[in-house]
Amino acid sequence: MDTAAYKWLNFLLTFIAAIAIYYFLHDSIPEQFRIPLMFGLVLIVVVSLIVAFRRETPRRDEDQK
């Protein structure tokens, strides 16, 4: 597989994991913590999306002169 496929797989698995965490914790946490839990999980998914699809810039190795 190429790196683009791995990036999509990483994002998809993070998204599925966040949904599973919310599903299993939804009934066991108090009502006032459900919205912060949702925001936290959405934040994790967005960060995963940004990290997975950010543009990679080639490094400049100054030691190899």
C-alpha atoms as a PDB file:
ATOM      1  CA  MET A   1       0.000   0.000   0.000  1.00  0.00           C
ATOM      2  CA  ASP A   2       1.117   3.510  -0.619  1.00  0.00           C
ATOM      3  CA  THR A   3       1.311   6.219   2.016  1.00  0.00           C
ATOM      4  CA  ALA A   4      -1.963   7.857   0.959  1.00  0.00           C
ATOM      5  CA  ALA A   5      -3.808   4.627   1.683  1.00  0.00           C
ATOM      6  CA  TYR A   6      -2.143   4.384   5.095  1.00  0.00           C
ATOM      7  CA  LYS A   7      -3.177   7.958   5.855  1.00  0.00           C
ATOM      8  CA  TRP A   8      -6.799   7.211   5.000  1.00  0.00           C
ATOM      9  CA  LEU A   9      -6.655   4.003   7.035  1.00  0.00           C
ATOM     10  CA  ASN A  10      -5.211   5.869  10.020  1.00  0.00           C
ATOM     11  CA  PHE A  11      -7.964   8.489   9.849  1.00  0.00           C
ATOM     12  CA  LEU A  12     -10.694   5.891   9.386  1.00  0.00           C
ATOM     13  CA  LEU A  13      -9.519   3.815  12.338  1.00  0.00           C
ATOM     14  CA  THR A  14      -9.275   6.924  14.542  1.00  0.00           C
ATOM     15  CA  PHE A  15     -12.805   7.923  13.532  1.00  0.00           C
ATOM     16  CA  ILE A  16     -14.172   4.438  14.264  1.00  0.00           C
ATOM     17  CA  ALA A  17     -12.362   4.352  17.614  1.00  0.00           C
ATOM     18  CA  ALA A  18     -13.810   7.734  18.622  1.00  0.00           C
ATOM     19  CA  ILE A  19     -17.317   6.556  17.744  1.00  0.00           C
ATOM     20  CA  ALA A  20     -16.793   3.336  19.711  1.00  0.00           C
ATOM     21  CA  ILE A  21     -15.492   5.240  22.750  1.00  0.00           C
ATOM     22  CA  TYR A  22     -18.507   7.533  22.692  1.00  0.00           C
ATOM     23  CA  TYR A  23     -20.927   4.633  22.206  1.00  0.00           C
ATOM     24  CA  PHE A  24     -19.581   2.607  25.116  1.00  0.00           C
ATOM     25  CA  LEU A  25     -19.134   5.551  27.506  1.00  0.00           C
ATOM     26  CA  HIS A  26     -22.361   7.374  26.651  1.00  0.00           C
ATOM     27  CA  ASP A  27     -24.505   5.672  29.302  1.00  0.00           C
ATOM     28  CA  SER A  28     -21.906   5.460  32.050  1.00  0.00           C
ATOM     29  CA  ILE A  29     -20.838   9.111  32.277  1.00  0.00           C
ATOM     30  CA  PRO A  30     -22.898  11.866  33.936  1.00  0.00           C
ATOM     31  CA  GLU A  31     -25.106  14.064  31.771  1.00  0.00           C
ATOM     32  CA  GLN A  32     -22.955  17.204  32.217  1.00  0.00           C
ATOM     33  CA  PHE A  33     -19.854  15.451  30.799  1.00  0.00           C
ATOM     34  CA  ARG A  34     -21.403  14.172  27.562  1.00  0.00           C
ATOM     35  CA  ILE A  35     -20.903  17.390  25.584  1.00  0.00           C
ATOM     36  CA  PRO A  36     -17.245  17.830  26.694  1.00  0.00           C
ATOM     37  CA  LEU A  37     -16.641  14.171  25.831  1.00  0.00           C
ATOM     38  CA  MET A  38     -18.074  14.762  22.377  1.00  0.00           C
ATOM     39  CA  PHE A  39     -15.920  17.869  21.867  1.00  0.00           C
ATOM     40  CA  GLY A  40     -12.824  15.985  23.030  1.00  0.00           C
ATOM     41  CA  LEU A  41     -13.441  13.108  20.653  1.00  0.00           C
ATOM     42  CA  VAL A  42     -14.134  15.462  17.742  1.00  0.00           C
ATOM     43  CA  LEU A  43     -10.901  17.284  18.560  1.00  0.00           C
ATOM     44  CA  ILE A  44      -8.974  14.001  18.475  1.00  0.00           C
ATOM     45  CA  VAL A  45     -10.475  13.118  15.073  1.00  0.00           C
ATOM     46  CA  VAL A  46      -9.712  16.580  13.644  1.00  0.00           C
ATOM     47  CA  VAL A  47      -6.113  16.457  14.888  1.00  0.00           C
ATOM     48  CA  SER A  48      -5.762  12.996  13.357  1.00  0.00           C
ATOM     49  CA  LEU A  49      -7.087  14.345  10.070  1.00  0.00           C
ATOM     50  CA  ILE A  50      -4.682  17.280  10.120  1.00  0.00           C
ATOM     51  CA  VAL A  51      -1.676  15.116  11.009  1.00  0.00           C
ATOM     52  CA  ALA A  52      -2.557  12.489   8.426  1.00  0.00           C
ATOM     53  CA  PHE A  53      -3.049  14.880   5.531  1.00  0.00           C
ATOM     54  CA  ARG A  54      -0.616  17.679   6.170  1.00  0.00           C
ATOM     55  CA  ARG A  55       1.764  18.374   3.358  1.00  0.00           C
ATOM     56  CA  GLU A  56       5.129  16.791   3.884  1.00  0.00           C
ATOM     57  CA  THR A  57       8.040  19.040   3.106  1.00  0.00           C
ATOM     58  CA  PRO A  58      11.409  17.545   2.317  1.00  0.00           C
ATOM     59  CA  ARG A  59      14.007  18.114   4.997  1.00  0.00           C
ATOM     60  CA  ARG A  60      17.122  20.081   4.311  1.00  0.00           C
ATOM     61  CA  ASP A  61      20.071  18.230   5.690  1.00  0.00           C
ATOM     62  CA  GLU A  62      22.777  20.789   6.246  1.00  0.00           C
ATOM     63  CA  ASP A  63      25.145  18.133   7.538  1.00  0.00           C
ATOM     64  CA  GLN A  64      25.516  16.559   4.097  1.00  0.00           C
ATOM     65  CA  LYS A  65      27.496  19.381   2.489  1.00  0.00           C
END
